[in-house]
mmCIF file of all heavy atoms, coordinates in Angstrom:
data_MODEL
# 
_entry.id   MODEL 
# 
loop_
_atom_site.group_PDB 
_atom_site.id 
_atom_site.type_symbol 
_atom_site.label_atom_id 
_atom_site.label_alt_id 
_atom_site.label_comp_id 
_atom_site.label_asym_id 
_atom_site.label_entity_id 
_atom_site.label_seq_id 
_atom_site.pdbx_PDB_ins_code 
_atom_site.Cartn_x 
_atom_site.Cartn_y 
_atom_site.Cartn_z 
_atom_site.occupancy 
_atom_site.B_iso_or_equiv 
_atom_site.pdbx_formal_charge 
_atom_site.auth_seq_id 
_atom_site.auth_comp_id 
_atom_site.auth_asym_id 
_atom_site.auth_atom_id 
_atom_site.pdbx_PDB_model_num 
ATOM 1   N N   . GLN A 1 1  ? 71.977 123.188 58.159 1.00 0.00 ? 1  GLN A N   1 
ATOM 2   C CA  . GLN A 1 1  ? 72.232 123.761 59.477 1.00 0.00 ? 1  GLN A CA  1 
ATOM 3   C C   . GLN A 1 1  ? 71.806 122.820 60.606 1.00 0.00 ? 1  GLN A C   1 
ATOM 4   O O   . GLN A 1 1  ? 72.279 122.945 61.734 1.00 0.00 ? 1  GLN A O   1 
ATOM 5   C CB  . GLN A 1 1  ? 71.509 125.109 59.629 1.00 0.00 ? 1  GLN A CB  1 
ATOM 6   C CG  . GLN A 1 1  ? 72.131 126.240 58.839 1.00 0.00 ? 1  GLN A CG  1 
ATOM 7   C CD  . GLN A 1 1  ? 71.756 126.228 57.364 1.00 0.00 ? 1  GLN A CD  1 
ATOM 8   O OE1 . GLN A 1 1  ? 70.979 125.391 56.917 1.00 0.00 ? 1  GLN A OE1 1 
ATOM 9   N NE2 . GLN A 1 1  ? 72.302 127.157 56.601 1.00 0.00 ? 1  GLN A NE2 1 
ATOM 10  N N   . ALA A 1 2  ? 70.927 121.886 60.318 1.00 0.00 ? 2  ALA A N   1 
ATOM 11  C CA  . ALA A 1 2  ? 70.487 120.917 61.332 1.00 0.00 ? 2  ALA A CA  1 
ATOM 12  C C   . ALA A 1 2  ? 70.803 119.506 60.839 1.00 0.00 ? 2  ALA A C   1 
ATOM 13  O O   . ALA A 1 2  ? 69.959 118.617 60.867 1.00 0.00 ? 2  ALA A O   1 
ATOM 14  C CB  . ALA A 1 2  ? 69.000 121.079 61.618 1.00 0.00 ? 2  ALA A CB  1 
ATOM 15  N N   . LEU A 1 3  ? 72.020 119.314 60.380 1.00 0.00 ? 3  LEU A N   1 
ATOM 16  C CA  . LEU A 1 3  ? 72.440 118.021 59.836 1.00 0.00 ? 3  LEU A CA  1 
ATOM 17  C C   . LEU A 1 3  ? 72.307 116.933 60.892 1.00 0.00 ? 3  LEU A C   1 
ATOM 18  O O   . LEU A 1 3  ? 72.822 117.066 62.008 1.00 0.00 ? 3  LEU A O   1 
ATOM 19  C CB  . LEU A 1 3  ? 73.894 118.098 59.366 1.00 0.00 ? 3  LEU A CB  1 
ATOM 20  C CG  . LEU A 1 3  ? 74.473 116.822 58.745 1.00 0.00 ? 3  LEU A CG  1 
ATOM 21  C CD1 . LEU A 1 3  ? 73.798 116.527 57.423 1.00 0.00 ? 3  LEU A CD1 1 
ATOM 22  C CD2 . LEU A 1 3  ? 75.980 116.982 58.550 1.00 0.00 ? 3  LEU A CD2 1 
ATOM 23  N N   . ASP A 1 4  ? 71.609 115.852 60.541 1.00 0.00 ? 4  ASP A N   1 
ATOM 24  C CA  . ASP A 1 4  ? 71.496 114.746 61.493 1.00 0.00 ? 4  ASP A CA  1 
ATOM 25  C C   . ASP A 1 4  ? 72.477 113.642 61.114 1.00 0.00 ? 4  ASP A C   1 
ATOM 26  O O   . ASP A 1 4  ? 73.212 113.740 60.135 1.00 0.00 ? 4  ASP A O   1 
ATOM 27  C CB  . ASP A 1 4  ? 70.058 114.220 61.572 1.00 0.00 ? 4  ASP A CB  1 
ATOM 28  C CG  . ASP A 1 4  ? 69.568 113.649 60.246 1.00 0.00 ? 4  ASP A CG  1 
ATOM 29  O OD1 . ASP A 1 4  ? 70.410 113.233 59.420 1.00 0.00 ? 4  ASP A OD1 1 
ATOM 30  O OD2 . ASP A 1 4  ? 68.349 113.598 60.053 1.00 0.00 ? 4  ASP A OD2 1 
ATOM 31  N N   . ALA A 1 5  ? 72.471 112.591 61.903 1.00 0.00 ? 5  ALA A N   1 
ATOM 32  C CA  . ALA A 1 5  ? 73.454 111.521 61.726 1.00 0.00 ? 5  ALA A CA  1 
ATOM 33  C C   . ALA A 1 5  ? 73.143 110.626 60.546 1.00 0.00 ? 5  ALA A C   1 
ATOM 34  O O   . ALA A 1 5  ? 74.006 109.877 60.088 1.00 0.00 ? 5  ALA A O   1 
ATOM 35  C CB  . ALA A 1 5  ? 73.537 110.681 62.998 1.00 0.00 ? 5  ALA A CB  1 
ATOM 36  N N   . GLY A 1 6  ? 71.917 110.669 60.070 1.00 0.00 ? 6  GLY A N   1 
ATOM 37  C CA  . GLY A 1 6  ? 71.560 109.821 58.951 1.00 0.00 ? 6  GLY A CA  1 
ATOM 38  C C   . GLY A 1 6  ? 71.274 108.399 59.383 1.00 0.00 ? 6  GLY A C   1 
ATOM 39  O O   . GLY A 1 6  ? 71.118 108.102 60.569 1.00 0.00 ? 6  GLY A O   1 
ATOM 40  N N   . PRO A 1 7  ? 71.200 107.478 58.422 1.00 0.00 ? 7  PRO A N   1 
ATOM 41  C CA  . PRO A 1 7  ? 70.920 106.071 58.733 1.00 0.00 ? 7  PRO A CA  1 
ATOM 42  C C   . PRO A 1 7  ? 71.927 105.513 59.728 1.00 0.00 ? 7  PRO A C   1 
ATOM 43  O O   . PRO A 1 7  ? 73.113 105.830 59.677 1.00 0.00 ? 7  PRO A O   1 
ATOM 44  C CB  . PRO A 1 7  ? 71.047 105.382 57.366 1.00 0.00 ? 7  PRO A CB  1 
ATOM 45  C CG  . PRO A 1 7  ? 70.794 106.471 56.372 1.00 0.00 ? 7  PRO A CG  1 
ATOM 46  C CD  . PRO A 1 7  ? 71.371 107.712 56.982 1.00 0.00 ? 7  PRO A CD  1 
ATOM 47  N N   . ARG A 1 8  ? 71.460 104.662 60.627 1.00 0.00 ? 8  ARG A N   1 
ATOM 48  C CA  . ARG A 1 8  ? 72.293 104.143 61.695 1.00 0.00 ? 8  ARG A CA  1 
ATOM 49  C C   . ARG A 1 8  ? 73.080 102.909 61.252 1.00 0.00 ? 8  ARG A C   1 
ATOM 50  O O   . ARG A 1 8  ? 72.711 102.236 60.291 1.00 0.00 ? 8  ARG A O   1 
ATOM 51  C CB  . ARG A 1 8  ? 71.440 103.797 62.912 1.00 0.00 ? 8  ARG A CB  1 
ATOM 52  C CG  . ARG A 1 8  ? 70.746 105.016 63.510 1.00 0.00 ? 8  ARG A CG  1 
ATOM 53  C CD  . ARG A 1 8  ? 69.746 104.617 64.580 1.00 0.00 ? 8  ARG A CD  1 
ATOM 54  N NE  . ARG A 1 8  ? 70.400 104.069 65.761 1.00 0.00 ? 8  ARG A NE  1 
ATOM 55  C CZ  . ARG A 1 8  ? 70.929 104.801 66.728 1.00 0.00 ? 8  ARG A CZ  1 
ATOM 56  N NH1 . ARG A 1 8  ? 70.910 106.120 66.656 1.00 0.00 ? 8  ARG A NH1 1 
ATOM 57  N NH2 . ARG A 1 8  ? 71.487 104.240 67.783 1.00 0.00 ? 8  ARG A NH2 1 
ATOM 58  N N   . LEU A 1 9  ? 74.154 102.642 61.965 1.00 0.00 ? 9  LEU A N   1 
ATOM 59  C CA  . LEU A 1 9  ? 74.966 101.442 61.742 1.00 0.00 ? 9  LEU A CA  1 
ATOM 60  C C   . LEU A 1 9  ? 74.695 100.474 62.889 1.00 0.00 ? 9  LEU A C   1 
ATOM 61  O O   . LEU A 1 9  ? 74.937 100.811 64.050 1.00 0.00 ? 9  LEU A O   1 
ATOM 62  C CB  . LEU A 1 9  ? 76.457 101.801 61.707 1.00 0.00 ? 9  LEU A CB  1 
ATOM 63  C CG  . LEU A 1 9  ? 77.418 100.616 61.555 1.00 0.00 ? 9  LEU A CG  1 
ATOM 64  C CD1 . LEU A 1 9  ? 77.277 99.990  60.168 1.00 0.00 ? 9  LEU A CD1 1 
ATOM 65  C CD2 . LEU A 1 9  ? 78.863 101.065 61.794 1.00 0.00 ? 9  LEU A CD2 1 
ATOM 66  N N   . ASP A 1 10 ? 74.184 99.292  62.565 1.00 0.00 ? 10 ASP A N   1 
ATOM 67  C CA  . ASP A 1 10 ? 73.850 98.352  63.627 1.00 0.00 ? 10 ASP A CA  1 
ATOM 68  C C   . ASP A 1 10 ? 75.104 97.708  64.201 1.00 0.00 ? 10 ASP A C   1 
ATOM 69  O O   . ASP A 1 10 ? 76.171 97.690  63.576 1.00 0.00 ? 10 ASP A O   1 
ATOM 70  C CB  . ASP A 1 10 ? 72.878 97.283  63.127 1.00 0.00 ? 10 ASP A CB  1 
ATOM 71  C CG  . ASP A 1 10 ? 73.481 96.442  62.014 1.00 0.00 ? 10 ASP A CG  1 
ATOM 72  O OD1 . ASP A 1 10 ? 74.294 95.556  62.324 1.00 0.00 ? 10 ASP A OD1 1 
ATOM 73  O OD2 . ASP A 1 10 ? 73.149 96.686  60.845 1.00 0.00 ? 10 ASP A OD2 1 
ATOM 74  N N   . LYS A 1 11 ? 74.954 97.141  65.384 1.00 0.00 ? 11 LYS A N   1 
ATOM 75  C CA  . LYS A 1 11 ? 76.093 96.577  66.106 1.00 0.00 ? 11 LYS A CA  1 
ATOM 76  C C   . LYS A 1 11 ? 76.690 95.377  65.381 1.00 0.00 ? 11 LYS A C   1 
ATOM 77  O O   . LYS A 1 11 ? 77.895 95.143  65.453 1.00 0.00 ? 11 LYS A O   1 
ATOM 78  C CB  . LYS A 1 11 ? 75.673 96.189  67.521 1.00 0.00 ? 11 LYS A CB  1 
ATOM 79  C CG  . LYS A 1 11 ? 76.857 95.889  68.449 1.00 0.00 ? 11 LYS A CG  1 
ATOM 80  C CD  . LYS A 1 11 ? 76.403 95.653  69.869 1.00 0.00 ? 11 LYS A CD  1 
ATOM 81  C CE  . LYS A 1 11 ? 77.596 95.527  70.811 1.00 0.00 ? 11 LYS A CE  1 
ATOM 82  N NZ  . LYS A 1 11 ? 78.574 94.539  70.399 1.00 0.00 ? 11 LYS A NZ  1 
ATOM 83  N N   . VAL A 1 12 ? 75.866 94.616  64.668 1.00 0.00 ? 12 VAL A N   1 
ATOM 84  C CA  . VAL A 1 12 ? 76.379 93.447  63.942 1.00 0.00 ? 12 VAL A CA  1 
ATOM 85  C C   . VAL A 1 12 ? 77.411 93.872  62.900 1.00 0.00 ? 12 VAL A C   1 
ATOM 86  O O   . VAL A 1 12 ? 78.511 93.311  62.818 1.00 0.00 ? 12 VAL A O   1 
ATOM 87  C CB  . VAL A 1 12 ? 75.222 92.672  63.269 1.00 0.00 ? 12 VAL A CB  1 
ATOM 88  C CG1 . VAL A 1 12 ? 75.776 91.580  62.342 1.00 0.00 ? 12 VAL A CG1 1 
ATOM 89  C CG2 . VAL A 1 12 ? 74.312 92.060  64.323 1.00 0.00 ? 12 VAL A CG2 1 
ATOM 90  N N   . HIS A 1 13 ? 77.079 94.867  62.104 1.00 0.00 ? 13 HIS A N   1 
ATOM 91  C CA  . HIS A 1 13 ? 78.019 95.360  61.090 1.00 0.00 ? 13 HIS A CA  1 
ATOM 92  C C   . HIS A 1 13 ? 79.260 95.963  61.740 1.00 0.00 ? 13 HIS A C   1 
ATOM 93  O O   . HIS A 1 13 ? 80.372 95.798  61.245 1.00 0.00 ? 13 HIS A O   1 
ATOM 94  C CB  . HIS A 1 13 ? 77.339 96.391  60.183 1.00 0.00 ? 13 HIS A CB  1 
ATOM 95  C CG  . HIS A 1 13 ? 76.520 95.789  59.089 1.00 0.00 ? 13 HIS A CG  1 
ATOM 96  N ND1 . HIS A 1 13 ? 75.174 95.536  59.221 1.00 0.00 ? 13 HIS A ND1 1 
ATOM 97  C CD2 . HIS A 1 13 ? 76.861 95.362  57.845 1.00 0.00 ? 13 HIS A CD2 1 
ATOM 98  C CE1 . HIS A 1 13 ? 74.716 94.999  58.102 1.00 0.00 ? 13 HIS A CE1 1 
ATOM 99  N NE2 . HIS A 1 13 ? 75.707 94.888  57.255 1.00 0.00 ? 13 HIS A NE2 1 
ATOM 100 N N   . PHE A 1 14 ? 79.050 96.684  62.834 1.00 0.00 ? 14 PHE A N   1 
ATOM 101 C CA  . PHE A 1 14 ? 80.182 97.311  63.510 1.00 0.00 ? 14 PHE A CA  1 
ATOM 102 C C   . PHE A 1 14 ? 81.134 96.256  64.064 1.00 0.00 ? 14 PHE A C   1 
ATOM 103 O O   . PHE A 1 14 ? 82.358 96.367  63.926 1.00 0.00 ? 14 PHE A O   1 
ATOM 104 C CB  . PHE A 1 14 ? 79.668 98.213  64.636 1.00 0.00 ? 14 PHE A CB  1 
ATOM 105 C CG  . PHE A 1 14 ? 80.731 99.095  65.244 1.00 0.00 ? 14 PHE A CG  1 
ATOM 106 C CD1 . PHE A 1 14 ? 81.436 99.997  64.467 1.00 0.00 ? 14 PHE A CD1 1 
ATOM 107 C CD2 . PHE A 1 14 ? 80.997 99.042  66.598 1.00 0.00 ? 14 PHE A CD2 1 
ATOM 108 C CE1 . PHE A 1 14 ? 82.406 100.821 65.019 1.00 0.00 ? 14 PHE A CE1 1 
ATOM 109 C CE2 . PHE A 1 14 ? 81.964 99.868  67.166 1.00 0.00 ? 14 PHE A CE2 1 
ATOM 110 C CZ  . PHE A 1 14 ? 82.670 100.756 66.375 1.00 0.00 ? 14 PHE A CZ  1 
ATOM 111 N N   . ASP A 1 15 ? 80.593 95.203  64.656 1.00 0.00 ? 15 ASP A N   1 
ATOM 112 C CA  . ASP A 1 15 ? 81.432 94.134  65.194 1.00 0.00 ? 15 ASP A CA  1 
ATOM 113 C C   . ASP A 1 15 ? 82.183 93.415  64.077 1.00 0.00 ? 15 ASP A C   1 
ATOM 114 O O   . ASP A 1 15 ? 83.341 93.028  64.247 1.00 0.00 ? 15 ASP A O   1 
ATOM 115 C CB  . ASP A 1 15 ? 80.573 93.139  65.985 1.00 0.00 ? 15 ASP A CB  1 
ATOM 116 C CG  . ASP A 1 15 ? 80.102 93.698  67.320 1.00 0.00 ? 15 ASP A CG  1 
ATOM 117 O OD1 . ASP A 1 15 ? 80.653 94.740  67.743 1.00 0.00 ? 15 ASP A OD1 1 
ATOM 118 O OD2 . ASP A 1 15 ? 79.188 93.112  67.926 1.00 0.00 ? 15 ASP A OD2 1 
ATOM 119 N N   . GLN A 1 16 ? 81.530 93.218  62.927 1.00 0.00 ? 16 GLN A N   1 
ATOM 120 C CA  . GLN A 1 16 ? 82.200 92.606  61.786 1.00 0.00 ? 16 GLN A CA  1 
ATOM 121 C C   . GLN A 1 16 ? 83.389 93.462  61.341 1.00 0.00 ? 16 GLN A C   1 
ATOM 122 O O   . GLN A 1 16 ? 84.473 92.945  61.041 1.00 0.00 ? 16 GLN A O   1 
ATOM 123 C CB  . GLN A 1 16 ? 81.219 92.432  60.617 1.00 0.00 ? 16 GLN A CB  1 
ATOM 124 C CG  . GLN A 1 16 ? 80.175 91.361  60.838 1.00 0.00 ? 16 GLN A CG  1 
ATOM 125 C CD  . GLN A 1 16 ? 79.161 91.319  59.714 1.00 0.00 ? 16 GLN A CD  1 
ATOM 126 O OE1 . GLN A 1 16 ? 79.125 92.206  58.858 1.00 0.00 ? 16 GLN A OE1 1 
ATOM 127 N NE2 . GLN A 1 16 ? 78.313 90.304  59.718 1.00 0.00 ? 16 GLN A NE2 1 
ATOM 128 N N   . LEU A 1 17 ? 83.168 94.748  61.305 1.00 0.00 ? 17 LEU A N   1 
ATOM 129 C CA  . LEU A 1 17 ? 84.242 95.651  60.904 1.00 0.00 ? 17 LEU A CA  1 
ATOM 130 C C   . LEU A 1 17 ? 85.398 95.599  61.894 1.00 0.00 ? 17 LEU A C   1 
ATOM 131 O O   . LEU A 1 17 ? 86.563 95.552  61.499 1.00 0.00 ? 17 LEU A O   1 
ATOM 132 C CB  . LEU A 1 17 ? 83.694 97.073  60.781 1.00 0.00 ? 17 LEU A CB  1 
ATOM 133 C CG  . LEU A 1 17 ? 84.706 98.135  60.343 1.00 0.00 ? 17 LEU A CG  1 
ATOM 134 C CD1 . LEU A 1 17 ? 84.052 99.100  59.365 1.00 0.00 ? 17 LEU A CD1 1 
ATOM 135 C CD2 . LEU A 1 17 ? 85.235 98.911  61.549 1.00 0.00 ? 17 LEU A CD2 1 
ATOM 136 N N   . LEU A 1 18 ? 85.094 95.607  63.193 1.00 0.00 ? 18 LEU A N   1 
ATOM 137 C CA  . LEU A 1 18 ? 86.144 95.562  64.202 1.00 0.00 ? 18 LEU A CA  1 
ATOM 138 C C   . LEU A 1 18 ? 86.963 94.281  64.087 1.00 0.00 ? 18 LEU A C   1 
ATOM 139 O O   . LEU A 1 18 ? 88.191 94.308  64.204 1.00 0.00 ? 18 LEU A O   1 
ATOM 140 C CB  . LEU A 1 18 ? 85.538 95.674  65.603 1.00 0.00 ? 18 LEU A CB  1 
ATOM 141 C CG  . LEU A 1 18 ? 84.951 97.039  65.972 1.00 0.00 ? 18 LEU A CG  1 
ATOM 142 C CD1 . LEU A 1 18 ? 84.322 96.980  67.354 1.00 0.00 ? 18 LEU A CD1 1 
ATOM 143 C CD2 . LEU A 1 18 ? 86.009 98.126  65.921 1.00 0.00 ? 18 LEU A CD2 1 
ATOM 144 N N   . ARG A 1 19 ? 86.292 93.160  63.851 1.00 0.00 ? 19 ARG A N   1 
ATOM 145 C CA  . ARG A 1 19 ? 87.023 91.903  63.693 1.00 0.00 ? 19 ARG A CA  1 
ATOM 146 C C   . ARG A 1 19 ? 87.990 91.978  62.526 1.00 0.00 ? 19 ARG A C   1 
ATOM 147 O O   . ARG A 1 19 ? 89.139 91.531  62.608 1.00 0.00 ? 19 ARG A O   1 
ATOM 148 C CB  . ARG A 1 19 ? 86.044 90.736  63.498 1.00 0.00 ? 19 ARG A CB  1 
ATOM 149 C CG  . ARG A 1 19 ? 85.419 90.238  64.788 1.00 0.00 ? 19 ARG A CG  1 
ATOM 150 C CD  . ARG A 1 19 ? 84.756 88.884  64.590 1.00 0.00 ? 19 ARG A CD  1 
ATOM 151 N NE  . ARG A 1 19 ? 83.609 88.963  63.703 1.00 0.00 ? 19 ARG A NE  1 
ATOM 152 C CZ  . ARG A 1 19 ? 82.381 89.230  64.116 1.00 0.00 ? 19 ARG A CZ  1 
ATOM 153 N NH1 . ARG A 1 19 ? 82.144 89.467  65.395 1.00 0.00 ? 19 ARG A NH1 1 
ATOM 154 N NH2 . ARG A 1 19 ? 81.383 89.268  63.254 1.00 0.00 ? 19 ARG A NH2 1 
ATOM 155 N N   . SER A 1 20 ? 87.539 92.555  61.410 1.00 0.00 ? 20 SER A N   1 
ATOM 156 C CA  . SER A 1 20 ? 88.402 92.668  60.239 1.00 0.00 ? 20 SER A CA  1 
ATOM 157 C C   . SER A 1 20 ? 89.597 93.578  60.519 1.00 0.00 ? 20 SER A C   1 
ATOM 158 O O   . SER A 1 20 ? 90.709 93.326  60.052 1.00 0.00 ? 20 SER A O   1 
ATOM 159 C CB  . SER A 1 20 ? 87.605 93.195  59.040 1.00 0.00 ? 20 SER A CB  1 
ATOM 160 O OG  . SER A 1 20 ? 87.276 94.559  59.194 1.00 0.00 ? 20 SER A OG  1 
ATOM 161 N N   . VAL A 1 21 ? 89.370 94.640  61.297 1.00 0.00 ? 21 VAL A N   1 
ATOM 162 C CA  . VAL A 1 21 ? 90.460 95.561  61.647 1.00 0.00 ? 21 VAL A CA  1 
ATOM 163 C C   . VAL A 1 21 ? 91.522 94.843  62.467 1.00 0.00 ? 21 VAL A C   1 
ATOM 164 O O   . VAL A 1 21 ? 92.727 94.949  62.194 1.00 0.00 ? 21 VAL A O   1 
ATOM 165 C CB  . VAL A 1 21 ? 89.916 96.779  62.421 1.00 0.00 ? 21 VAL A CB  1 
ATOM 166 C CG1 . VAL A 1 21 ? 91.061 97.574  63.058 1.00 0.00 ? 21 VAL A CG1 1 
ATOM 167 C CG2 . VAL A 1 21 ? 89.116 97.687  61.496 1.00 0.00 ? 21 VAL A CG2 1 
ATOM 168 N N   . PHE A 1 22 ? 91.097 94.088  63.464 1.00 0.00 ? 22 PHE A N   1 
ATOM 169 C CA  . PHE A 1 22 ? 92.065 93.404  64.323 1.00 0.00 ? 22 PHE A CA  1 
ATOM 170 C C   . PHE A 1 22 ? 92.765 92.265  63.589 1.00 0.00 ? 22 PHE A C   1 
ATOM 171 O O   . PHE A 1 22 ? 93.946 92.022  63.808 1.00 0.00 ? 22 PHE A O   1 
ATOM 172 C CB  . PHE A 1 22 ? 91.372 92.889  65.587 1.00 0.00 ? 22 PHE A CB  1 
ATOM 173 C CG  . PHE A 1 22 ? 90.997 93.985  66.545 1.00 0.00 ? 22 PHE A CG  1 
ATOM 174 C CD1 . PHE A 1 22 ? 89.689 94.160  66.948 1.00 0.00 ? 22 PHE A CD1 1 
ATOM 175 C CD2 . PHE A 1 22 ? 91.963 94.858  67.035 1.00 0.00 ? 22 PHE A CD2 1 
ATOM 176 C CE1 . PHE A 1 22 ? 89.341 95.183  67.824 1.00 0.00 ? 22 PHE A CE1 1 
ATOM 177 C CE2 . PHE A 1 22 ? 91.631 95.883  67.909 1.00 0.00 ? 22 PHE A CE2 1 
ATOM 178 C CZ  . PHE A 1 22 ? 90.315 96.043  68.310 1.00 0.00 ? 22 PHE A CZ  1 
ATOM 179 N N   . ILE A 1 23 ? 92.049 91.577  62.708 1.00 0.00 ? 23 ILE A N   1 
ATOM 180 C CA  . ILE A 1 23 ? 92.680 90.518  61.912 1.00 0.00 ? 23 ILE A CA  1 
ATOM 181 C C   . ILE A 1 23 ? 93.743 91.114  61.005 1.00 0.00 ? 23 ILE A C   1 
ATOM 182 O O   . ILE A 1 23 ? 94.858 90.582  60.879 1.00 0.00 ? 23 ILE A O   1 
ATOM 183 C CB  . ILE A 1 23 ? 91.620 89.754  61.087 1.00 0.00 ? 23 ILE A CB  1 
ATOM 184 C CG1 . ILE A 1 23 ? 90.743 88.903  62.012 1.00 0.00 ? 23 ILE A CG1 1 
ATOM 185 C CG2 . ILE A 1 23 ? 92.293 88.872  60.031 1.00 0.00 ? 23 ILE A CG2 1 
ATOM 186 C CD1 . ILE A 1 23 ? 89.553 88.280  61.315 1.00 0.00 ? 23 ILE A CD1 1 
ATOM 187 N N   . ARG A 1 24 ? 93.416 92.230  60.374 1.00 0.00 ? 24 ARG A N   1 
ATOM 188 C CA  . ARG A 1 24 ? 94.380 92.898  59.495 1.00 0.00 ? 24 ARG A CA  1 
ATOM 189 C C   . ARG A 1 24 ? 95.611 93.345  60.271 1.00 0.00 ? 24 ARG A C   1 
ATOM 190 O O   . ARG A 1 24 ? 96.750 93.189  59.814 1.00 0.00 ? 24 ARG A O   1 
ATOM 191 C CB  . ARG A 1 24 ? 93.719 94.100  58.815 1.00 0.00 ? 24 ARG A CB  1 
ATOM 192 C CG  . ARG A 1 24 ? 94.615 94.837  57.826 1.00 0.00 ? 24 ARG A CG  1 
ATOM 193 C CD  . ARG A 1 24 ? 93.886 96.052  57.245 1.00 0.00 ? 24 ARG A CD  1 
ATOM 194 N NE  . ARG A 1 24 ? 92.658 95.675  56.590 1.00 0.00 ? 24 ARG A NE  1 
ATOM 195 C CZ  . ARG A 1 24 ? 91.748 96.567  56.168 1.00 0.00 ? 24 ARG A CZ  1 
ATOM 196 N NH1 . ARG A 1 24 ? 91.954 97.857  56.391 1.00 0.00 ? 24 ARG A NH1 1 
ATOM 197 N NH2 . ARG A 1 24 ? 90.649 96.170  55.563 1.00 0.00 ? 24 ARG A NH2 1 
ATOM 198 N N   . GLN A 1 25 ? 95.400 93.883  61.469 1.00 0.00 ? 25 GLN A N   1 
ATOM 199 C CA  . GLN A 1 25 ? 96.525 94.331  62.286 1.00 0.00 ? 25 GLN A CA  1 
ATOM 200 C C   . GLN A 1 25 ? 97.384 93.146  62.719 1.00 0.00 ? 25 GLN A C   1 
ATOM 201 O O   . GLN A 1 25 ? 98.624 93.234  62.718 1.00 0.00 ? 25 GLN A O   1 
ATOM 202 C CB  . GLN A 1 25 ? 96.013 95.066  63.525 1.00 0.00 ? 25 GLN A CB  1 
ATOM 203 C CG  . GLN A 1 25 ? 97.112 95.706  64.367 1.00 0.00 ? 25 GLN A CG  1 
ATOM 204 C CD  . GLN A 1 25 ? 97.882 96.766  63.599 1.00 0.00 ? 25 GLN A CD  1 
ATOM 205 O OE1 . GLN A 1 25 ? 97.291 97.631  62.963 1.00 0.00 ? 25 GLN A OE1 1 
ATOM 206 N NE2 . GLN A 1 25 ? 99.208 96.710  63.643 1.00 0.00 ? 25 GLN A NE2 1 
ATOM 207 N N   . LEU A 1 26 ? 96.758 92.034  63.068 1.00 0.00 ? 26 LEU A N   1 
ATOM 208 C CA  . LEU A 1 26 ? 97.499 90.830  63.449 1.00 0.00 ? 26 LEU A CA  1 
ATOM 209 C C   . LEU A 1 26 ? 98.344 90.332  62.287 1.00 0.00 ? 26 LEU A C   1 
ATOM 210 O O   . LEU A 1 26 ? 99.511 89.946  62.458 1.00 0.00 ? 26 LEU A O   1 
ATOM 211 C CB  . LEU A 1 26 ? 96.525 89.747  63.909 1.00 0.00 ? 26 LEU A CB  1 
ATOM 212 C CG  . LEU A 1 26 ? 97.153 88.406  64.322 1.00 0.00 ? 26 LEU A CG  1 
ATOM 213 C CD1 . LEU A 1 26 ? 98.098 88.593  65.502 1.00 0.00 ? 26 LEU A CD1 1 
ATOM 214 C CD2 . LEU A 1 26 ? 96.058 87.403  64.673 1.00 0.00 ? 26 LEU A CD2 1 
# 
């Protein structure tokens, strides 16, 4: 009932993921 977000995702990993998304789309 009080579910939290859990472990956080740091910006470095998030930026890596975004780069891969845009490369794949290109």
